[in-house]
Amino acid sequence: MLINTTSLLANRSFPLSLVAYCLQLQQFINQGMQPSAIMMSSGGNQSKRLETVVQLGFSVDIEDNEHRLLVGHNNPDYKEWDGGQLGGRPTWLNPKDIPNKFLKCKNCDSPMMFVCQLYAPCDEVNDNAFHRSFYVFACPDSTKCSKETTGSIRVLRTQLPKENPYFPEDHDETWTYHLPTSWNKHLCKVCGQQGRGKCPIQQEYFCGPHHQKEYKKYVFDKLRRQQEQQQEQNPSTQLEFHFLPSVLTESELVVEEEPIPEQDDKTRKRAEKALFKAQGAEIENESDDEEEDSDKNLEQKDLNEMVGAADETVSKDSATMKFYDRIHQVDDVKTQCLRYLRWPNHRTCEDTGTPLWIRSDFQPDTIPACERCGTERRFEFQLMPQMLHYLFKDMESERAKVKDRIIKEEDVEALQKATSIMEQAPPEQVPPDFAANKDAAIDTLRNKLMEEDAKTPSWGVVCIYTCTDSCGGMNNESDSELGAYLEEFAWKQPSLD
């Protein structure tokens, strides 16, 4: 017996709970279980509990410009949209009424970095949410805001009805109204937010002087120096790339359903083994005959590094143990970057009714209602710490080059010689300022490296709570710097360091 869930998902009139029920029913049937073992939630007074289906987001590399045009809302054919985008520059669902200023951290006032966007329609709740997307921005100053739970992550939501001026109902290869330039909106060349002015030298639009200077340093001046040596490349197949510190590595966000763990001894032993390894315990007479893939099956030490956890941290915190247990219970999902479960009913969802917290502390006591309509906000999705691994790929590569430039071989040799002289020479023969100068040189190099390392976002998990009426429409909010974009509530748990 097969249930055509694809046709259900394509039919936007079906409630999400029905689609989720059919997906889960198909899984139970495939495993030889009786459909009576599950039930569809239709309210909070059910006596039985339902494990609601969670959607997981994974990072997929963008191969070339043709691939890039299919990611986010670059493609005007909305029937092709799915998942979202990590890093890069936002592709705006509403290209006309975008925020008119670059977003700033509410704690330290630093310009924020674009983290990701997620397409999550909600037309069964609001007809104006036939198209609905979220945009996540993060503060890059991990020294000032690493422990701030709110304000350092900001999430914008916007939505459109099915009939709108930006995206055609039928495929049209000549369509351009999904682009901000068609509405006389010029985007910042660096961050993709609204441009405030055009640089007369670089002939590009920028959101402010900070990105104007950044682009000149990292792109414009380099291109000018290399102009004579550059060769023409085919823009349709070659992926253009210029490193910019304010732009995180771009990739496609692909969403898949979280697998239901197999109910057998082998699977349970595998999950227990992973958890014991995280706790540093030894396991005797245990062998794993399955093939290990370096990309899909991460070593525990790699996963610890992603989440910022030391081995001893895992065994001390029950929430951290549950976090590891959840992502280890099924193979090939350890690299998940995002978990999505819109507005779960806490009374009918046993394990997925709340976010998957990474630690027991830094959890919210209350969630504020929607400031616009007063409706309750509830959990919808969360960013996982593994996402940072994929966002920082370009940055880590560039940092290695920067560190090589900062700490030159001759500098290292000079410091080694200075240290050797101080150790071998009698104290009275060492010039008074010699030791102080050596220490000052070491501190200068250390500060430069620390300054580079501090310019990245940081989190354990980020949980986003959204208006359960999905209020708003496609029109610009009056007197709002955010245009047609509404801000939702994000709660950040710090990393395990």
Protein backbone atom coordinates (compact mmCIF):
# COMPACT_ATOMS: atom_id res chain seq x y z
CA MET A 1 0.00 0.00 0.00
CA LEU A 2 1.46 3.35 -1.05
CA ILE A 3 0.25 6.82 -0.21
CA ASN A 4 0.96 9.48 -2.81
CA THR A 5 2.45 12.04 -0.43
CA THR A 6 4.04 13.91 -3.33
CA SER A 7 0.63 14.81 -4.73
CA LEU A 8 -0.53 15.81 -1.26
CA LEU A 9 2.42 18.13 -0.82
CA ALA A 10 1.80 19.62 -4.26
CA ASN A 11 -1.82 20.35 -3.31
CA ARG A 12 -1.43 23.45 -1.15
CA SER A 13 -5.03 23.22 0.15
CA PHE A 14 -4.26 20.28 2.45
CA PRO A 15 -3.49 21.12 6.10
CA LEU A 16 0.08 20.44 7.16
CA SER A 17 -1.12 18.02 9.87
CA LEU A 18 -2.77 15.81 7.24
CA VAL A 19 0.37 15.74 5.12
CA ALA A 20 2.48 14.91 8.18
CA TYR A 21 0.02 12.17 9.13
CA CYS A 22 0.22 10.59 5.67
CA LEU A 23 4.02 10.72 5.68
CA GLN A 24 4.16 9.03 9.04
CA LEU A 25 1.46 6.51 8.12
CA GLN A 26 3.50 5.48 5.07
CA GLN A 27 6.55 4.92 7.27
CA PHE A 28 4.64 2.73 9.69
CA ILE A 29 3.15 0.69 6.85
CA ASN A 30 6.59 0.21 5.28
CA GLN A 31 7.84 -1.11 8.62
CA GLY A 32 4.96 -3.58 8.86
CA MET A 33 3.21 -1.81 11.71
CA GLN A 34 -0.51 -1.22 12.09
CA PRO A 35 -1.90 2.22 11.18
CA SER A 36 -3.76 2.21 14.50
CA ALA A 37 -0.40 2.75 16.21
CA ILE A 38 -0.54 6.43 15.24
CA MET A 39 -3.13 9.14 15.01
CA MET A 40 -3.49 12.57 13.47
CA SER A 41 -3.55 15.43 15.93
CA SER A 42 -6.65 17.60 15.67
CA GLY A 43 -6.52 19.32 19.03
CA GLY A 44 -5.06 19.43 22.49
CA ASN A 45 -7.45 16.97 24.15
CA GLN A 46 -6.09 13.77 22.61
CA SER A 47 -5.35 10.98 25.05
CA LYS A 48 -2.63 9.46 22.89
CA ARG A 49 0.68 11.04 22.00
CA LEU A 50 2.01 11.61 18.50
CA GLU A 51 5.65 11.91 17.53
CA THR A 52 5.41 14.66 14.93
CA VAL A 53 7.57 14.51 11.83
CA VAL A 54 10.61 16.81 12.01
CA GLN A 55 12.17 18.21 8.85
CA LEU A 56 15.98 18.39 8.78
CA GLY A 57 18.02 20.86 6.74
CA PHE A 58 21.37 19.91 5.17
CA SER A 59 24.02 21.94 3.34
CA VAL A 60 24.71 21.14 -0.32
CA ASP A 61 27.58 22.85 -2.16
CA ILE A 62 26.68 25.20 -5.02
CA GLU A 63 28.52 23.94 -8.08
CA ASP A 64 28.25 26.86 -10.52
CA ASN A 65 26.18 29.91 -11.44
CA GLU A 66 23.51 27.76 -13.06
CA HIS A 67 23.04 25.97 -9.76
CA ARG A 68 23.03 29.28 -7.89
CA LEU A 69 20.13 30.55 -10.01
CA LEU A 70 18.02 27.67 -8.68
CA VAL A 71 18.66 28.48 -5.01
CA GLY A 72 16.43 30.68 -2.87
CA HIS A 73 14.19 33.03 -4.83
CA ASN A 74 16.60 33.59 -7.73
CA ASN A 75 14.27 31.43 -9.82
CA PRO A 76 10.90 33.13 -10.54
CA ASP A 77 9.22 29.73 -10.93
CA TYR A 78 8.02 29.13 -7.36
CA LYS A 79 7.08 25.53 -8.17
CA GLU A 80 10.80 24.80 -8.10
CA TRP A 81 11.37 26.31 -4.66
CA ASP A 82 12.30 24.05 -1.79
CA GLY A 83 14.35 24.37 1.38
CA GLY A 84 16.40 27.53 1.27
CA GLN A 85 19.91 28.93 1.35
CA LEU A 86 22.85 29.17 3.72
CA GLY A 87 25.23 32.12 3.61
CA GLY A 88 25.90 34.26 0.57
CA ARG A 89 23.45 37.12 0.05
CA PRO A 90 19.70 36.99 0.69
CA THR A 91 17.31 36.54 -2.22
CA TRP A 92 14.31 38.62 -1.23
CA LEU A 93 10.80 37.15 -1.48
CA ASN A 94 9.38 40.67 -1.61
CA PRO A 95 11.91 42.46 -3.84
CA LYS A 96 10.19 45.85 -3.66
CA ASP A 97 9.74 46.51 0.06
CA ILE A 98 13.01 45.27 1.51
CA PRO A 99 14.45 46.73 4.75
CA ASN A 100 15.73 50.21 3.98
CA LYS A 101 18.78 49.96 6.26
CA PHE A 102 21.28 47.23 7.02
CA LEU A 103 20.43 45.24 10.14
CA LYS A 104 22.36 45.94 13.35
CA CYS A 105 22.90 43.87 16.47
CA LYS A 106 20.56 45.06 19.21
CA ASN A 107 23.28 44.59 21.83
CA CYS A 108 26.46 46.08 20.35
CA ASP A 109 25.16 47.91 17.25
CA SER A 110 27.49 45.98 14.90
CA PRO A 111 26.36 45.39 11.30
CA MET A 112 24.93 41.88 11.13
CA MET A 113 25.84 39.04 8.77
CA PHE A 114 23.31 37.14 6.70
CA VAL A 115 23.15 33.52 7.92
CA CYS A 116 20.35 31.75 6.05
CA GLN A 117 16.87 31.89 4.59
CA LEU A 118 14.10 29.30 4.73
CA TYR A 119 10.99 28.92 2.56
CA ALA A 120 8.03 27.81 4.73
CA PRO A 121 4.55 28.43 3.23
CA CYS A 122 1.64 28.75 5.64
CA ASP A 123 -1.45 29.41 3.50
CA GLU A 124 -3.61 27.01 5.51
CA VAL A 125 -3.41 29.61 8.32
CA ASN A 126 -3.30 32.84 6.30
CA ASP A 127 -4.09 33.24 2.58
CA ASN A 128 -1.45 35.96 2.48
CA ALA A 129 1.17 33.35 3.39
CA PHE A 130 0.97 31.23 0.24
CA HIS A 131 4.63 32.20 -0.06
CA ARG A 132 6.45 32.73 3.24
CA SER A 133 10.17 33.05 3.93
CA PHE A 134 12.44 33.67 6.90
CA TYR A 135 15.76 35.53 6.90
CA VAL A 136 18.25 35.04 9.73
CA PHE A 137 21.02 37.52 10.56
CA ALA A 138 23.72 37.21 13.24
CA CYS A 139 26.10 39.53 15.05
CA PRO A 140 29.70 38.81 14.02
CA ASP A 141 31.23 40.02 17.28
CA SER A 142 31.58 36.81 19.26
CA THR A 143 33.60 38.56 21.97
CA LYS A 144 30.88 41.03 23.00
CA CYS A 145 27.77 39.00 22.26
CA SER A 146 28.72 35.35 22.73
CA LYS A 147 26.56 34.97 25.86
CA GLU A 148 23.69 37.24 24.78
CA THR A 149 20.52 35.17 24.36
CA THR A 150 18.50 37.79 22.47
CA GLY A 151 19.33 40.65 20.13
CA SER A 152 22.47 39.14 18.58
CA ILE A 153 20.35 36.95 16.26
CA ARG A 154 17.54 38.61 14.32
CA VAL A 155 14.92 36.85 12.19
CA LEU A 156 12.72 38.53 9.57
CA ARG A 157 9.56 37.02 8.08
CA THR A 158 7.75 38.11 4.94
CA GLN A 159 4.94 36.55 2.93
CA LEU A 160 2.90 36.90 -0.23
CA PRO A 161 -0.50 35.70 -1.47
CA LYS A 162 -0.62 33.38 -4.46
CA GLU A 163 -1.47 36.26 -6.77
CA ASN A 164 1.24 38.89 -6.46
CA PRO A 165 3.20 41.17 -8.80
CA TYR A 166 6.55 39.51 -8.16
CA PHE A 167 6.21 35.87 -9.21
CA PRO A 168 4.16 34.57 -12.17
CA GLU A 169 1.68 31.73 -11.79
CA ASP A 170 2.97 30.17 -15.01
CA HIS A 171 6.58 29.72 -16.04
CA ASP A 172 7.93 32.71 -17.96
CA GLU A 173 11.61 32.76 -18.99
CA THR A 174 11.50 36.52 -19.67
CA TRP A 175 10.15 37.38 -16.19
CA THR A 176 12.26 39.86 -14.18
CA TYR A 177 9.82 41.34 -11.64
CA HIS A 178 11.20 39.04 -8.94
CA LEU A 179 14.42 41.08 -9.04
CA PRO A 180 14.87 44.19 -6.85
CA THR A 181 16.33 46.12 -9.79
CA SER A 182 12.95 45.87 -11.55
CA TRP A 183 11.55 47.96 -8.68
CA ASN A 184 14.43 50.45 -8.69
CA LYS A 185 16.01 48.82 -5.64
CA HIS A 186 19.80 48.62 -5.67
CA LEU A 187 21.41 46.08 -3.36
CA CYS A 188 24.68 46.39 -1.50
CA LYS A 189 27.42 44.67 -3.48
CA VAL A 190 28.73 43.03 -0.31
CA CYS A 191 25.79 41.96 1.86
CA GLY A 192 22.80 42.06 -0.51
CA GLN A 193 20.77 44.41 1.72
CA GLN A 194 19.45 47.75 0.49
CA GLY A 195 22.12 49.98 -1.05
CA ARG A 196 22.21 53.51 0.31
CA GLY A 197 24.44 55.05 -2.32
CA LYS A 198 26.69 54.42 -5.30
CA CYS A 199 30.45 54.68 -4.96
CA PRO A 200 31.76 57.02 -7.71
CA ILE A 201 35.07 55.13 -7.93
CA GLN A 202 33.89 51.52 -7.75
CA GLN A 203 30.58 52.19 -9.53
CA GLU A 204 28.77 49.84 -7.14
CA TYR A 205 26.03 50.35 -4.55
CA PHE A 206 26.75 49.81 -0.84
CA CYS A 207 24.67 49.82 2.34
CA GLY A 208 27.27 51.93 4.17
CA PRO A 209 30.93 52.98 4.32
CA HIS A 210 31.94 49.75 6.11
CA HIS A 211 31.06 47.59 3.11
CA GLN A 212 32.28 50.18 0.63
CA LYS A 213 35.74 49.93 2.22
CA GLU A 214 35.58 46.15 2.52
CA TYR A 215 34.76 45.65 -1.15
CA LYS A 216 37.52 48.02 -2.24
CA LYS A 217 40.10 46.19 -0.13
CA TYR A 218 39.16 42.62 -0.95
CA VAL A 219 37.82 42.88 -4.50
CA PHE A 220 38.14 46.18 -6.34
CA ASP A 221 41.84 46.83 -5.71
CA LYS A 222 42.75 43.19 -6.41
CA LEU A 223 40.80 43.15 -9.67
CA ARG A 224 42.42 46.38 -10.77
CA ARG A 225 45.88 44.95 -10.12
CA GLN A 226 45.07 41.74 -11.93
CA GLN A 227 43.13 43.30 -14.80
CA GLU A 228 45.76 42.68 -17.44
CA GLN A 229 46.28 39.07 -16.39
CA GLN A 230 42.60 38.14 -16.16
CA GLN A 231 41.15 35.82 -18.74
CA GLU A 232 37.55 35.89 -19.85
CA GLN A 233 35.43 33.13 -18.37
CA ASN A 234 32.02 31.78 -19.28
CA PRO A 235 29.69 33.32 -16.64
CA SER A 236 27.01 30.67 -17.15
CA THR A 237 29.19 27.81 -15.95
CA GLN A 238 32.01 29.36 -13.92
CA LEU A 239 31.31 30.15 -10.27
CA GLU A 240 32.54 33.67 -9.50
CA PHE A 241 34.11 33.93 -6.08
CA HIS A 242 35.78 36.78 -4.23
CA PHE A 243 36.30 36.35 -0.51
CA LEU A 244 34.65 39.00 1.66
CA PRO A 245 34.82 38.78 5.47
CA SER A 246 31.18 39.88 5.84
CA VAL A 247 29.81 37.16 3.54
CA LEU A 248 29.50 33.61 4.84
CA THR A 249 30.00 30.58 2.60
CA GLU A 250 27.00 30.09 0.33
CA SER A 251 25.32 26.71 -0.09
CA GLU A 252 21.89 25.28 -0.78
CA LEU A 253 19.70 24.25 2.14
CA VAL A 254 18.02 20.96 1.29
CA VAL A 255 15.24 19.75 3.59
CA GLU A 256 14.46 16.09 4.25
CA GLU A 257 12.26 14.31 6.74
CA GLU A 258 13.99 13.05 9.88
CA PRO A 259 14.18 9.25 9.62
CA ILE A 260 12.43 7.16 12.24
CA PRO A 261 15.06 5.13 14.09
CA GLU A 262 15.04 1.38 13.53
CA GLN A 263 13.73 -0.49 16.51
CA ASP A 264 16.36 -3.22 16.73
CA ASP A 265 19.24 -4.12 19.00
CA LYS A 266 21.92 -3.16 16.48
CA THR A 267 20.61 0.39 16.11
CA ARG A 268 20.24 0.85 19.87
CA LYS A 269 23.79 -0.39 20.45
CA ARG A 270 25.09 1.99 17.81
CA ALA A 271 23.35 4.94 19.48
CA GLU A 272 24.60 3.88 22.91
CA LYS A 273 28.12 3.47 21.59
CA ALA A 274 28.11 7.01 20.18
CA LEU A 275 26.82 8.42 23.46
CA PHE A 276 29.38 6.52 25.54
CA LYS A 277 32.13 7.75 23.24
CA ALA A 278 30.93 11.31 23.80
CA GLN A 279 31.23 10.68 27.52
CA GLY A 280 34.75 9.30 27.14
CA ALA A 281 33.81 5.77 28.25
CA GLU A 282 35.49 2.66 26.90
CA ILE A 283 33.45 0.01 25.12
CA GLU A 284 34.66 -3.56 25.14
CA ASN A 285 34.14 -6.17 22.44
CA GLU A 286 32.30 -3.75 20.19
CA SER A 287 32.92 -3.69 16.45
CA ASP A 288 31.21 -1.79 13.68
CA ASP A 289 31.15 -3.52 10.35
CA GLU A 290 29.44 -0.70 8.48
CA GLU A 291 31.34 1.56 6.14
CA GLU A 292 32.24 4.99 7.51
CA ASP A 293 31.82 7.98 5.25
CA SER A 294 33.88 11.00 6.31
CA ASP A 295 31.26 13.49 5.14
CA LYS A 296 28.09 11.86 6.47
CA ASN A 297 29.29 9.98 9.54
CA LEU A 298 31.26 12.46 11.58
CA GLU A 299 33.72 11.36 14.20
CA GLN A 300 32.65 12.36 17.69
CA LYS A 301 35.62 14.71 18.09
CA ASP A 302 34.55 16.54 14.90
CA LEU A 303 31.02 16.87 16.18
CA ASN A 304 32.28 18.13 19.54
CA GLU A 305 34.30 20.75 17.72
CA MET A 306 31.24 21.86 15.75
CA VAL A 307 29.11 22.32 18.86
CA GLY A 308 31.95 23.72 20.96
CA ALA A 309 31.81 20.89 23.49
CA ALA A 310 34.55 19.23 25.46
CA ASP A 311 34.08 15.51 26.10
CA GLU A 312 33.52 15.99 29.81
CA THR A 313 30.76 18.57 29.12
CA VAL A 314 28.52 15.97 27.51
CA SER A 315 28.35 13.68 30.51
CA LYS A 316 27.57 16.50 32.98
CA ASP A 317 24.48 17.97 31.33
CA SER A 318 21.30 15.96 30.71
CA ALA A 319 20.17 18.29 27.91
CA THR A 320 23.51 17.89 26.15
CA MET A 321 23.25 14.11 26.46
CA LYS A 322 19.76 14.23 24.93
CA PHE A 323 21.06 16.46 22.15
CA TYR A 324 23.79 13.99 21.23
CA ASP A 325 21.45 11.04 21.60
CA ARG A 326 18.94 12.55 19.19
CA ILE A 327 21.39 13.31 16.40
CA HIS A 328 23.13 9.92 16.86
CA GLN A 329 20.02 7.74 16.87
CA VAL A 330 19.88 7.53 13.05
CA ASP A 331 22.85 7.30 10.70
CA ASP A 332 23.66 10.05 8.21
CA VAL A 333 21.89 12.91 10.01
CA LYS A 334 24.75 14.21 12.15
CA THR A 335 25.44 16.99 9.65
CA GLN A 336 21.96 18.47 10.04
CA CYS A 337 22.07 22.28 10.02
CA LEU A 338 18.44 22.99 10.80
CA ARG A 339 15.43 21.35 12.45
CA TYR A 340 11.92 22.41 11.43
CA LEU A 341 8.65 21.63 13.23
CA ARG A 342 6.05 24.37 13.00
CA TRP A 343 4.06 25.10 16.17
CA PRO A 344 4.09 21.61 17.74
CA ASN A 345 1.41 20.80 20.26
CA HIS A 346 3.24 20.15 23.53
CA ARG A 347 0.42 17.95 24.82
CA THR A 348 0.48 15.60 21.82
CA CYS A 349 4.17 15.62 20.89
CA GLU A 350 6.30 13.69 23.33
CA ASP A 351 9.86 14.35 22.17
CA THR A 352 9.50 17.03 19.52
CA GLY A 353 7.17 19.45 21.27
CA THR A 354 10.07 21.64 22.36
CA PRO A 355 13.34 22.61 20.67
CA LEU A 356 16.29 20.27 20.88
CA TRP A 357 18.28 22.23 23.48
CA ILE A 358 22.04 21.78 23.64
CA ARG A 359 22.35 22.70 27.32
CA SER A 360 20.15 22.87 30.42
CA ASP A 361 20.88 26.53 31.20
CA PHE A 362 20.20 29.58 29.02
CA GLN A 363 16.62 28.51 28.29
CA PRO A 364 13.77 31.06 28.04
CA ASP A 365 11.15 31.37 30.78
CA THR A 366 8.57 33.04 28.55
CA ILE A 367 8.18 33.79 24.86
CA PRO A 368 6.77 37.22 23.95
CA ALA A 369 3.55 37.40 21.93
CA CYS A 370 3.56 38.88 18.45
CA GLU A 371 4.06 42.65 18.81
CA ARG A 372 1.93 43.34 15.74
CA CYS A 373 -1.25 41.33 16.44
CA GLY A 374 -0.83 40.07 20.02
CA THR A 375 -1.11 36.40 19.04
CA GLU A 376 0.92 33.72 20.80
CA ARG A 377 4.30 32.82 19.38
CA ARG A 378 5.41 29.20 19.28
CA PHE A 379 8.49 27.30 18.21
CA GLU A 380 8.91 26.76 14.46
CA PHE A 381 12.55 25.96 13.67
CA GLN A 382 16.06 26.03 15.06
CA LEU A 383 19.59 26.49 13.77
CA MET A 384 22.01 23.76 14.74
CA PRO A 385 25.67 24.33 15.66
CA GLN A 386 26.71 22.16 12.70
CA MET A 387 25.57 25.00 10.43
CA LEU A 388 28.57 27.07 11.48
CA HIS A 389 30.92 24.45 10.05
CA TYR A 390 29.50 25.03 6.56
CA LEU A 391 29.15 28.81 6.90
CA PHE A 392 32.82 29.20 7.85
CA LYS A 393 34.40 27.14 5.04
CA ASP A 394 35.62 30.13 3.02
CA MET A 395 36.55 32.05 6.14
CA GLU A 396 38.69 29.23 7.55
CA SER A 397 40.53 28.90 4.26
CA GLU A 398 41.21 32.62 4.12
CA ARG A 399 42.24 32.76 7.77
CA ALA A 400 44.92 30.18 7.14
CA LYS A 401 46.34 32.47 4.47
CA VAL A 402 46.03 35.53 6.73
CA LYS A 403 47.83 33.80 9.59
CA ASP A 404 50.64 32.86 7.23
CA ARG A 405 50.93 36.52 6.26
CA ILE A 406 50.74 37.78 9.84
CA ILE A 407 53.24 35.33 11.29
CA LYS A 408 56.04 35.20 8.78
CA GLU A 409 58.81 32.63 9.01
CA GLU A 410 61.46 35.25 9.64
CA ASP A 411 59.39 36.66 12.54
CA VAL A 412 59.16 33.24 14.13
CA GLU A 413 62.91 32.73 13.73
CA ALA A 414 63.62 36.16 15.23
CA LEU A 415 61.46 35.41 18.28
CA GLN A 416 63.13 32.02 18.71
CA LYS A 417 66.57 33.61 18.62
CA ALA A 418 65.51 36.31 21.09
CA THR A 419 64.19 33.66 23.47
CA SER A 420 67.37 31.61 23.11
CA ILE A 421 69.54 34.65 23.87
CA MET A 422 67.54 35.47 26.99
CA GLU A 423 67.78 31.89 28.24
CA GLN A 424 71.53 31.54 27.69
CA ALA A 425 72.84 35.00 28.53
CA PRO A 426 73.43 36.11 32.12
CA PRO A 427 70.63 38.44 33.27
CA GLU A 428 72.99 41.36 33.72
CA GLN A 429 74.01 41.18 30.03
CA VAL A 430 70.43 41.34 28.70
CA PRO A 431 69.42 44.94 27.77
CA PRO A 432 66.59 46.24 29.98
CA ASP A 433 64.15 46.71 27.11
CA PHE A 434 65.00 43.44 25.36
CA ALA A 435 62.54 41.23 27.26
CA ALA A 436 59.80 43.84 27.17
CA ASN A 437 60.14 44.27 23.41
CA LYS A 438 59.99 40.51 22.88
CA ASP A 439 56.85 40.17 24.98
CA ALA A 440 55.26 43.12 23.18
CA ALA A 441 55.95 41.49 19.79
CA ILE A 442 54.34 38.23 20.92
CA ASP A 443 51.29 40.09 22.27
CA THR A 444 50.92 42.00 19.00
CA LEU A 445 50.87 38.79 16.97
CA ARG A 446 48.47 37.13 19.40
CA ASN A 447 46.09 40.10 19.32
CA LYS A 448 46.02 40.10 15.53
CA LEU A 449 45.08 36.43 15.46
CA MET A 450 42.45 36.87 18.16
CA GLU A 451 40.99 39.84 16.29
CA GLU A 452 40.53 37.69 13.19
CA ASP A 453 38.98 34.84 15.20
CA ALA A 454 36.50 37.18 16.93
CA LYS A 455 34.80 38.26 13.68
CA THR A 456 32.47 35.30 13.38
CA PRO A 457 28.98 34.51 14.71
CA SER A 458 28.70 31.93 17.45
CA TRP A 459 25.88 29.86 18.94
CA GLY A 460 24.98 26.54 20.48
CA VAL A 461 21.47 26.45 19.03
CA VAL A 462 19.17 29.25 17.88
CA CYS A 463 15.44 28.67 18.35
CA ILE A 464 12.94 30.76 16.39
CA TYR A 465 9.42 31.38 17.68
CA THR A 466 6.86 32.78 15.24
CA CYS A 467 3.38 34.30 15.21
CA THR A 468 0.83 31.47 15.09
CA ASP A 469 -1.51 33.62 12.98
CA SER A 470 1.33 34.36 10.56
CA CYS A 471 0.03 37.92 10.48
CA GLY A 472 0.86 40.47 7.84
CA GLY A 473 0.74 40.66 4.07
CA MET A 474 2.83 41.79 1.16
CA ASN A 475 2.39 45.55 1.67
CA ASN A 476 5.01 47.79 3.20
CA GLU A 477 4.46 48.45 6.89
CA SER A 478 4.03 52.19 7.42
CA ASP A 479 6.99 53.94 9.06
CA SER A 480 8.89 50.67 9.31
CA GLU A 481 12.58 50.42 8.57
CA LEU A 482 12.00 46.75 7.81
CA GLY A 483 9.65 47.40 4.88
CA ALA A 484 7.29 44.45 4.34
CA TYR A 485 9.40 42.27 6.62
CA LEU A 486 8.29 41.52 10.19
CA GLU A 487 10.64 40.56 13.00
CA GLU A 488 10.09 37.32 14.90
CA PHE A 489 11.62 36.17 18.18
CA ALA A 490 14.95 34.32 18.27
CA TRP A 491 16.52 32.78 21.37
CA LYS A 492 20.20 31.84 21.30
CA GLN A 493 21.82 29.28 23.54
CA PRO A 494 25.58 29.94 23.76
CA SER A 495 27.97 27.28 22.54
CA LEU A 496 29.42 24.70 24.92
CA ASP A 497 32.74 26.34 25.71
